[in-house]
Amino acid sequence: MTSTSARPGKPTVVLVHGAFADSSSWNGVVERLIAAGVAVKAVPNPLRGIAEDAAYVASALQQTPGPVLAVGHSYGGAVITNAASRVDNVVGLVYVAAFAPDDGETIMDIEGASKDSVLNSAIQPAQYPTASGAEAEFQIDPAKFHDAFAADVPEKDAAVMAVTQRPVSALAFSTPTTDPAWKKLPSWAAVATGDKAAGSDAVLRMAERAGATITRIEASHVVMVTQPQAVTDVIMQALGSVSG
């Protein structure tokens, strides 16, 4: 977990990465926020399922002094949707090519309704051990990673991302959301127009449903990697609105 110190009364930006990734995916955004004097923290997402991940992230949010602006990418958006309702210091939500599920909705439901997403045809199943036996997890087929996940990243860089990707538990896709935080908090959304992973159509529908302030960015699913300034601008817009 990385962080910088917040100034009194100013929100800390807490970044939560999505599936198949880690906190380094936020590096370009973190650099720009630090340069702008913004307090920022990148929280590692365990990727073990909505319940487990939301509990972990909620703890990290609660332990962050002062107000918090929670920012989630992809599956990380579903995590902050569930986590922010459990704490009292989150003042806003930013969804970056991210899921914002409704009560009782699963990511599997959302992906199944998307015409833009090709993720289901690109993932490979595996298993990981648990205390009670085994659970399914997924990774993206390295041969399909560039086109499905990071089409505007140079192929040589996407090949490295494919090798270093972190598998995500099937529970992330099948566990329903409860008490979505966007129903209580103001939200902003960066919608990547070339998103073939979450699906641009699904992301836009969720952002509109949440009443988010929407910014469309020409980019793939990893918009924070290829367009870090545009994503930073959305975060700064949100900060300007929630700062006291």
C-alpha atoms as a PDB file:
ATOM      1  CA  MET A   1       0.000   0.000   0.000  1.00  0.00           C
ATOM      2  CA  THR A   2       1.401   3.403  -0.967  1.00  0.00           C
ATOM      3  CA  SER A   3       0.241   6.783   0.253  1.00  0.00           C
ATOM      4  CA  THR A   4       0.988  10.448   0.737  1.00  0.00           C
ATOM      5  CA  SER A   5      -0.225  12.547   3.667  1.00  0.00           C
ATOM      6  CA  ALA A   6      -3.471  14.487   3.477  1.00  0.00           C
ATOM      7  CA  ARG A   7      -3.735  18.174   4.272  1.00  0.00           C
ATOM      8  CA  PRO A   8      -6.297  19.038   6.966  1.00  0.00           C
ATOM      9  CA  GLY A   9      -9.824  19.043   5.531  1.00  0.00           C
ATOM     10  CA  LYS A  10      -8.733  17.887   2.084  1.00  0.00           C
ATOM     11  CA  PRO A  11      -9.883  14.485   0.873  1.00  0.00           C
ATOM     12  CA  THR A  12      -7.392  11.701   0.300  1.00  0.00           C
ATOM     13  CA  VAL A  13      -7.773   9.963  -3.048  1.00  0.00           C
ATOM     14  CA  VAL A  14      -7.869   6.195  -2.489  1.00  0.00           C
ATOM     15  CA  LEU A  15      -7.255   4.185  -5.662  1.00  0.00           C
ATOM     16  CA  VAL A  16      -8.488   0.602  -6.014  1.00  0.00           C
ATOM     17  CA  HIS A  17      -7.308  -1.451  -8.989  1.00  0.00           C
ATOM     18  CA  GLY A  18      -9.364  -4.058 -10.788  1.00  0.00           C
ATOM     19  CA  ALA A  19      -9.058  -7.682 -11.817  1.00  0.00           C
ATOM     20  CA  PHE A  20      -6.013  -9.025 -13.662  1.00  0.00           C
ATOM     21  CA  ALA A  21      -3.983  -6.052 -12.374  1.00  0.00           C
ATOM     22  CA  ASP A  22      -2.266  -4.494  -9.360  1.00  0.00           C
ATOM     23  CA  SER A  23      -1.723  -0.997  -7.953  1.00  0.00           C
ATOM     24  CA  SER A  24       1.072  -0.237 -10.431  1.00  0.00           C
ATOM     25  CA  SER A  25      -1.664   0.278 -13.023  1.00  0.00           C
ATOM     26  CA  TRP A  26      -2.308   3.620 -11.293  1.00  0.00           C
ATOM     27  CA  ASN A  27       1.307   4.837 -11.530  1.00  0.00           C
ATOM     28  CA  GLY A  28       0.681   7.540 -14.131  1.00  0.00           C
ATOM     29  CA  VAL A  29      -2.280   8.893 -12.182  1.00  0.00           C
ATOM     30  CA  VAL A  30      -0.425   8.749  -8.856  1.00  0.00           C
ATOM     31  CA  GLU A  31       2.495  10.725 -10.277  1.00  0.00           C
ATOM     32  CA  ARG A  32       0.159  13.466 -11.471  1.00  0.00           C
ATOM     33  CA  LEU A  33      -1.820  13.645  -8.237  1.00  0.00           C
ATOM     34  CA  ILE A  34       1.358  13.921  -6.188  1.00  0.00           C
ATOM     35  CA  ALA A  35       2.617  16.678  -8.506  1.00  0.00           C
ATOM     36  CA  ALA A  36      -0.670  18.517  -7.909  1.00  0.00           C
ATOM     37  CA  GLY A  37      -0.248  18.250  -4.133  1.00  0.00           C
ATOM     38  CA  VAL A  38      -3.084  15.761  -3.683  1.00  0.00           C
ATOM     39  CA  ALA A  39      -2.903  13.159  -0.923  1.00  0.00           C
ATOM     40  CA  VAL A  40      -3.216   9.739  -2.511  1.00  0.00           C
ATOM     41  CA  LYS A  41      -3.199   6.101  -1.427  1.00  0.00           C
ATOM     42  CA  ALA A  42      -3.202   2.981  -3.622  1.00  0.00           C
ATOM     43  CA  VAL A  43      -4.897   0.044  -1.914  1.00  0.00           C
ATOM     44  CA  PRO A  44      -4.102  -3.523  -3.034  1.00  0.00           C
ATOM     45  CA  ASN A  45      -7.253  -5.371  -4.039  1.00  0.00           C
ATOM     46  CA  PRO A  46      -7.115  -9.038  -2.915  1.00  0.00           C
ATOM     47  CA  LEU A  47      -9.246 -10.209  -5.899  1.00  0.00           C
ATOM     48  CA  ARG A  48     -10.810 -13.003  -3.845  1.00  0.00           C
ATOM     49  CA  GLY A  49     -14.461 -12.006  -4.217  1.00  0.00           C
ATOM     50  CA  ILE A  50     -16.839  -9.111  -3.557  1.00  0.00           C
ATOM     51  CA  ALA A  51     -17.360  -9.897   0.147  1.00  0.00           C
ATOM     52  CA  GLU A  52     -13.692 -10.407   0.982  1.00  0.00           C
ATOM     53  CA  ASP A  53     -12.410  -7.549  -1.147  1.00  0.00           C
ATOM     54  CA  ALA A  54     -15.022  -5.053   0.022  1.00  0.00           C
ATOM     55  CA  ALA A  55     -14.214  -5.881   3.654  1.00  0.00           C
ATOM     56  CA  TYR A  56     -10.494  -5.335   3.043  1.00  0.00           C
ATOM     57  CA  VAL A  57     -10.981  -2.082   1.143  1.00  0.00           C
ATOM     58  CA  ALA A  58     -13.535  -0.790   3.667  1.00  0.00           C
ATOM     59  CA  SER A  59     -10.936  -1.311   6.393  1.00  0.00           C
ATOM     60  CA  ALA A  60      -8.372   0.624   4.371  1.00  0.00           C
ATOM     61  CA  LEU A  61     -10.865   3.438   3.764  1.00  0.00           C
ATOM     62  CA  GLN A  62     -11.803   3.619   7.445  1.00  0.00           C
ATOM     63  CA  GLN A  63      -8.149   3.782   8.476  1.00  0.00           C
ATOM     64  CA  THR A  64      -7.477   6.705   6.143  1.00  0.00           C
ATOM     65  CA  PRO A  65      -7.596   9.940   8.181  1.00  0.00           C
ATOM     66  CA  GLY A  66     -10.125  12.540   7.094  1.00  0.00           C
ATOM     67  CA  PRO A  67     -12.481  12.494   4.136  1.00  0.00           C
ATOM     68  CA  VAL A  68     -11.852  10.095   1.250  1.00  0.00           C
ATOM     69  CA  LEU A  69     -12.573  10.151  -2.474  1.00  0.00           C
ATOM     70  CA  ALA A  70     -12.745   6.491  -3.500  1.00  0.00           C
ATOM     71  CA  VAL A  71     -11.649   5.670  -7.054  1.00  0.00           C
ATOM     72  CA  GLY A  72     -12.090   2.240  -8.622  1.00  0.00           C
ATOM     73  CA  HIS A  73     -11.020   0.765 -11.934  1.00  0.00           C
ATOM     74  CA  SER A  74     -13.001  -2.056 -13.536  1.00  0.00           C
ATOM     75  CA  TYR A  75     -13.852  -4.641 -10.857  1.00  0.00           C
ATOM     76  CA  GLY A  76     -12.444  -2.169  -8.340  1.00  0.00           C
ATOM     77  CA  GLY A  77     -15.542  -0.087  -9.025  1.00  0.00           C
ATOM     78  CA  ALA A  78     -17.733  -2.916  -7.769  1.00  0.00           C
ATOM     79  CA  VAL A  79     -15.517  -3.191  -4.708  1.00  0.00           C
ATOM     80  CA  ILE A  80     -15.801   0.504  -3.771  1.00  0.00           C
ATOM     81  CA  THR A  81     -19.543   0.333  -4.485  1.00  0.00           C
ATOM     82  CA  ASN A  82     -19.828  -2.242  -1.699  1.00  0.00           C
ATOM     83  CA  ALA A  83     -17.046  -0.978   0.584  1.00  0.00           C
ATOM     84  CA  ALA A  84     -17.960   2.710   0.769  1.00  0.00           C
ATOM     85  CA  SER A  85     -21.363   1.943   2.281  1.00  0.00           C
ATOM     86  CA  ARG A  86     -19.641   0.368   5.283  1.00  0.00           C
ATOM     87  CA  VAL A  87     -17.697   3.454   6.351  1.00  0.00           C
ATOM     88  CA  ASP A  88     -18.523   7.050   7.164  1.00  0.00           C
ATOM     89  CA  ASN A  89     -15.627   9.012   5.663  1.00  0.00           C
ATOM     90  CA  VAL A  90     -16.126   8.525   1.909  1.00  0.00           C
ATOM     91  CA  VAL A  91     -17.427  11.723   0.313  1.00  0.00           C
ATOM     92  CA  GLY A  92     -17.500  10.700  -3.341  1.00  0.00           C
ATOM     93  CA  LEU A  93     -16.885   7.919  -5.844  1.00  0.00           C
ATOM     94  CA  VAL A  94     -15.010   7.907  -9.143  1.00  0.00           C
ATOM     95  CA  TYR A  95     -15.532   5.037 -11.569  1.00  0.00           C
ATOM     96  CA  VAL A  96     -12.763   4.520 -14.130  1.00  0.00           C
ATOM     97  CA  ALA A  97     -13.902   2.094 -16.863  1.00  0.00           C
ATOM     98  CA  ALA A  98     -15.585   0.533 -13.862  1.00  0.00           C
ATOM     99  CA  PHE A  99     -18.512  -1.521 -12.673  1.00  0.00           C
ATOM    100  CA  ALA A 100     -21.129   0.196 -10.516  1.00  0.00           C
ATOM    101  CA  PRO A 101     -23.542  -2.667  -9.754  1.00  0.00           C
ATOM    102  CA  ASP A 102     -26.989  -2.208  -8.289  1.00  0.00           C
ATOM    103  CA  ASP A 103     -28.370  -4.053  -5.271  1.00  0.00           C
ATOM    104  CA  GLY A 104     -28.549  -7.786  -5.993  1.00  0.00           C
ATOM    105  CA  GLU A 105     -26.678  -7.465  -9.290  1.00  0.00           C
ATOM    106  CA  THR A 106     -23.562  -9.450 -10.195  1.00  0.00           C
ATOM    107  CA  ILE A 107     -20.749  -8.668 -12.605  1.00  0.00           C
ATOM    108  CA  MET A 108     -21.721 -11.843 -14.443  1.00  0.00           C
ATOM    109  CA  ASP A 109     -25.169 -10.317 -15.050  1.00  0.00           C
ATOM    110  CA  ILE A 110     -23.653  -7.094 -16.345  1.00  0.00           C
ATOM    111  CA  GLU A 111     -21.096  -8.745 -18.611  1.00  0.00           C
ATOM    112  CA  GLY A 112     -23.748 -11.028 -20.083  1.00  0.00           C
ATOM    113  CA  ALA A 113     -25.781  -8.016 -21.199  1.00  0.00           C
ATOM    114  CA  SER A 114     -22.878  -6.146 -22.803  1.00  0.00           C
ATOM    115  CA  LYS A 115     -22.499  -6.133 -26.592  1.00  0.00           C
ATOM    116  CA  ASP A 116     -19.060  -4.474 -26.409  1.00  0.00           C
ATOM    117  CA  SER A 117     -17.334  -6.838 -23.986  1.00  0.00           C
ATOM    118  CA  VAL A 118     -15.315  -9.797 -25.289  1.00  0.00           C
ATOM    119  CA  LEU A 119     -14.006 -10.735 -21.865  1.00  0.00           C
ATOM    120  CA  ASN A 120     -16.009 -13.933 -21.488  1.00  0.00           C
ATOM    121  CA  SER A 121     -14.393 -15.362 -24.619  1.00  0.00           C
ATOM    122  CA  ALA A 122     -10.894 -14.372 -23.457  1.00  0.00           C
ATOM    123  CA  ILE A 123     -10.685 -15.731 -19.915  1.00  0.00           C
ATOM    124  CA  GLN A 124      -9.158 -19.035 -18.839  1.00  0.00           C
ATOM    125  CA  PRO A 125     -10.344 -20.934 -15.719  1.00  0.00           C
ATOM    126  CA  ALA A 126      -8.093 -22.342 -13.012  1.00  0.00           C
ATOM    127  CA  GLN A 127      -8.400 -23.196  -9.320  1.00  0.00           C
ATOM    128  CA  TYR A 128      -6.924 -22.019  -6.044  1.00  0.00           C
ATOM    129  CA  PRO A 129      -6.984 -23.754  -2.639  1.00  0.00           C
ATOM    130  CA  THR A 130      -9.205 -22.537   0.200  1.00  0.00           C
ATOM    131  CA  ALA A 131      -9.632 -23.617   3.812  1.00  0.00           C
ATOM    132  CA  SER A 132     -12.628 -25.708   2.773  1.00  0.00           C
ATOM    133  CA  GLY A 133     -11.295 -27.098  -0.502  1.00  0.00           C
ATOM    134  CA  ALA A 134     -10.908 -25.194  -3.775  1.00  0.00           C
ATOM    135  CA  GLU A 135     -12.465 -22.283  -5.639  1.00  0.00           C
ATOM    136  CA  ALA A 136     -12.418 -21.279  -9.294  1.00  0.00           C
ATOM    137  CA  GLU A 137     -10.455 -18.286 -10.544  1.00  0.00           C
ATOM    138  CA  PHE A 138      -9.880 -16.676 -13.931  1.00  0.00           C
ATOM    139  CA  GLN A 139      -7.091 -15.076 -15.903  1.00  0.00           C
ATOM    140  CA  ILE A 140      -7.061 -13.625 -19.401  1.00  0.00           C
ATOM    141  CA  ASP A 141      -5.584 -15.798 -22.130  1.00  0.00           C
ATOM    142  CA  PRO A 142      -2.210 -14.117 -22.794  1.00  0.00           C
ATOM    143  CA  ALA A 143      -2.765 -14.508 -26.542  1.00  0.00           C
ATOM    144  CA  LYS A 144      -5.970 -12.457 -26.252  1.00  0.00           C
ATOM    145  CA  PHE A 145      -4.823 -10.008 -23.555  1.00  0.00           C
ATOM    146  CA  HIS A 146      -3.804  -7.165 -25.871  1.00  0.00           C
ATOM    147  CA  ASP A 147      -7.013  -7.064 -27.902  1.00  0.00           C
ATOM    148  CA  ALA A 148      -9.427  -7.738 -25.050  1.00  0.00           C
ATOM    149  CA  PHE A 149      -7.858  -5.711 -22.257  1.00  0.00           C
ATOM    150  CA  ALA A 150      -5.272  -3.219 -23.482  1.00  0.00           C
ATOM    151  CA  ALA A 151      -5.668  -2.588 -27.202  1.00  0.00           C
ATOM    152  CA  ASP A 152      -4.044   0.877 -27.125  1.00  0.00           C
ATOM    153  CA  VAL A 153      -0.989  -0.305 -25.162  1.00  0.00           C
ATOM    154  CA  PRO A 154       2.067  -1.207 -27.307  1.00  0.00           C
ATOM    155  CA  GLU A 155       2.058  -4.959 -27.906  1.00  0.00           C
ATOM    156  CA  LYS A 156       5.413  -5.468 -26.168  1.00  0.00           C
ATOM    157  CA  ASP A 157       4.102  -3.741 -23.049  1.00  0.00           C
ATOM    158  CA  ALA A 158       0.799  -5.619 -23.178  1.00  0.00           C
ATOM    159  CA  ALA A 159       2.770  -8.877 -23.351  1.00  0.00           C
ATOM    160  CA  VAL A 160       4.441  -7.988 -20.051  1.00  0.00           C
ATOM    161  CA  MET A 161       1.072  -7.068 -18.517  1.00  0.00           C
ATOM    162  CA  ALA A 162      -0.322 -10.421 -19.654  1.00  0.00           C
ATOM    163  CA  VAL A 163       2.478 -12.352 -17.975  1.00  0.00           C
ATOM    164  CA  THR A 164       2.240 -10.384 -14.710  1.00  0.00           C
ATOM    165  CA  GLN A 165      -1.567 -10.292 -14.471  1.00  0.00           C
ATOM    166  CA  ARG A 166      -3.196 -11.366 -11.199  1.00  0.00           C
ATOM    167  CA  PRO A 167      -5.984 -13.972 -11.407  1.00  0.00           C
ATOM    168  CA  VAL A 168      -9.347 -13.091  -9.919  1.00  0.00           C
ATOM    169  CA  SER A 169     -11.680 -15.392  -8.011  1.00  0.00           C
ATOM    170  CA  ALA A 170     -14.906 -16.463  -9.691  1.00  0.00           C
ATOM    171  CA  LEU A 171     -16.612 -15.069  -6.567  1.00  0.00           C
ATOM    172  CA  ALA A 172     -15.857 -11.599  -7.905  1.00  0.00           C
ATOM    173  CA  PHE A 173     -18.210 -12.310 -10.802  1.00  0.00           C
ATOM    174  CA  SER A 174     -20.930 -14.285  -9.043  1.00  0.00           C
ATOM    175  CA  THR A 175     -21.439 -12.503  -5.695  1.00  0.00           C
ATOM    176  CA  PRO A 176     -24.249  -9.918  -5.710  1.00  0.00           C
ATOM    177  CA  THR A 177     -23.744  -6.344  -4.595  1.00  0.00           C
ATOM    178  CA  THR A 178     -25.493  -5.120  -1.464  1.00  0.00           C
ATOM    179  CA  ASP A 179     -26.266  -1.530  -0.435  1.00  0.00           C
ATOM    180  CA  PRO A 180     -24.558   0.233  -3.387  1.00  0.00           C
ATOM    181  CA  ALA A 181     -22.784   3.392  -2.252  1.00  0.00           C
ATOM    182  CA  TRP A 182     -23.578   5.359  -5.420  1.00  0.00           C
ATOM    183  CA  LYS A 183     -27.170   5.627  -4.213  1.00  0.00           C
ATOM    184  CA  LYS A 184     -25.939   7.797  -1.326  1.00  0.00           C
ATOM    185  CA  LEU A 185     -22.821   9.523  -2.643  1.00  0.00           C
ATOM    186  CA  PRO A 186     -22.013  11.776  -5.617  1.00  0.00           C
ATOM    187  CA  SER A 187     -20.151  10.002  -8.373  1.00  0.00           C
ATOM    188  CA  TRP A 188     -18.069  10.632 -11.466  1.00  0.00           C
ATOM    189  CA  ALA A 189     -17.282   8.243 -14.300  1.00  0.00           C
ATOM    190  CA  ALA A 190     -14.512   8.020 -16.880  1.00  0.00           C
ATOM    191  CA  VAL A 191     -15.968   5.916 -19.689  1.00  0.00           C
ATOM    192  CA  ALA A 192     -13.396   4.445 -22.090  1.00  0.00           C
ATOM    193  CA  THR A 193     -15.021   4.401 -25.518  1.00  0.00           C
ATOM    194  CA  GLY A 194     -12.937   1.416 -26.708  1.00  0.00           C
ATOM    195  CA  ASP A 195     -13.445  -0.744 -23.627  1.00  0.00           C
ATOM    196  CA  LYS A 196     -13.765  -4.393 -24.712  1.00  0.00           C
ATOM    197  CA  ALA A 197     -13.255  -5.834 -21.223  1.00  0.00           C
ATOM    198  CA  ALA A 198     -15.951  -4.300 -19.000  1.00  0.00           C
ATOM    199  CA  GLY A 199     -17.717  -3.134 -22.172  1.00  0.00           C
ATOM    200  CA  SER A 200     -18.190   0.544 -23.024  1.00  0.00           C
ATOM    201  CA  ASP A 201     -21.955   0.093 -23.302  1.00  0.00           C
ATOM    202  CA  ALA A 202     -22.258  -1.524 -19.869  1.00  0.00           C
ATOM    203  CA  VAL A 203     -20.013   1.044 -18.192  1.00  0.00           C
ATOM    204  CA  LEU A 204     -21.989   3.908 -19.701  1.00  0.00           C
ATOM    205  CA  ARG A 205     -25.333   2.401 -18.638  1.00  0.00           C
ATOM    206  CA  MET A 206     -24.135   1.967 -15.069  1.00  0.00           C
ATOM    207  CA  ALA A 207     -22.725   5.507 -14.918  1.00  0.00           C
ATOM    208  CA  GLU A 208     -25.985   6.958 -16.205  1.00  0.00           C
ATOM    209  CA  ARG A 209     -27.987   4.887 -13.724  1.00  0.00           C
ATOM    210  CA  ALA A 210     -25.808   6.142 -10.866  1.00  0.00           C
ATOM    211  CA  GLY A 211     -26.355   9.751 -11.925  1.00  0.00           C
ATOM    212  CA  ALA A 212     -22.597  10.147 -12.346  1.00  0.00           C
ATOM    213  CA  THR A 213     -20.911  13.097 -14.007  1.00  0.00           C
ATOM    214  CA  ILE A 214     -19.629  11.353 -17.133  1.00  0.00           C
ATOM    215  CA  THR A 215     -16.460  11.973 -19.144  1.00  0.00           C
ATOM    216  CA  ARG A 216     -15.902   9.932 -22.294  1.00  0.00           C
ATOM    217  CA  ILE A 217     -12.256   9.157 -23.077  1.00  0.00           C
ATOM    218  CA  GLU A 218     -10.982   7.555 -26.272  1.00  0.00           C
ATOM    219  CA  ALA A 219      -9.080   4.605 -24.834  1.00  0.00           C
ATOM    220  CA  SER A 220      -9.133   0.893 -24.085  1.00  0.00           C
ATOM    221  CA  HIS A 221     -10.125  -0.661 -20.758  1.00  0.00           C
ATOM    222  CA  VAL A 222      -6.774   0.392 -19.216  1.00  0.00           C
ATOM    223  CA  VAL A 223      -7.561   4.077 -19.717  1.00  0.00           C
ATOM    224  CA  MET A 224      -5.617   5.065 -16.570  1.00  0.00           C
ATOM    225  CA  VAL A 225      -2.472   3.559 -18.157  1.00  0.00           C
ATOM    226  CA  THR A 226      -2.810   5.079 -21.625  1.00  0.00           C
ATOM    227  CA  GLN A 227      -4.625   8.312 -20.730  1.00  0.00           C
ATOM    228  CA  PRO A 228      -3.464   9.093 -17.169  1.00  0.00           C
ATOM    229  CA  GLN A 229      -3.901  12.852 -17.532  1.00  0.00           C
ATOM    230  CA  ALA A 230      -7.507  12.513 -18.682  1.00  0.00           C
ATOM    231  CA  VAL A 231      -8.277  10.230 -15.731  1.00  0.00           C
ATOM    232  CA  THR A 232      -6.474  12.594 -13.354  1.00  0.00           C
ATOM    233  CA  ASP A 233      -8.588  15.457 -14.696  1.00  0.00           C
ATOM    234  CA  VAL A 234     -11.767  13.532 -13.803  1.00  0.00           C
ATOM    235  CA  ILE A 235     -10.444  12.883 -10.291  1.00  0.00           C
ATOM    236  CA  MET A 236      -9.505  16.553  -9.879  1.00  0.00           C
ATOM    237  CA  GLN A 237     -13.000  17.564 -11.025  1.00  0.00           C
ATOM    238  CA  ALA A 238     -14.468  15.288  -8.362  1.00  0.00           C
ATOM    239  CA  LEU A 239     -12.082  16.619  -5.724  1.00  0.00           C
ATOM    240  CA  GLY A 240     -13.110  20.165  -6.534  1.00  0.00           C
ATOM    241  CA  SER A 241     -16.728  19.267  -5.923  1.00  0.00           C
ATOM    242  CA  VAL A 242     -16.301  17.357  -2.651  1.00  0.00           C
ATOM    243  CA  SER A 243     -13.608  19.494  -1.006  1.00  0.00           C
ATOM    244  CA  GLY A 244     -14.860  21.656   1.795  1.00  0.00           C
END
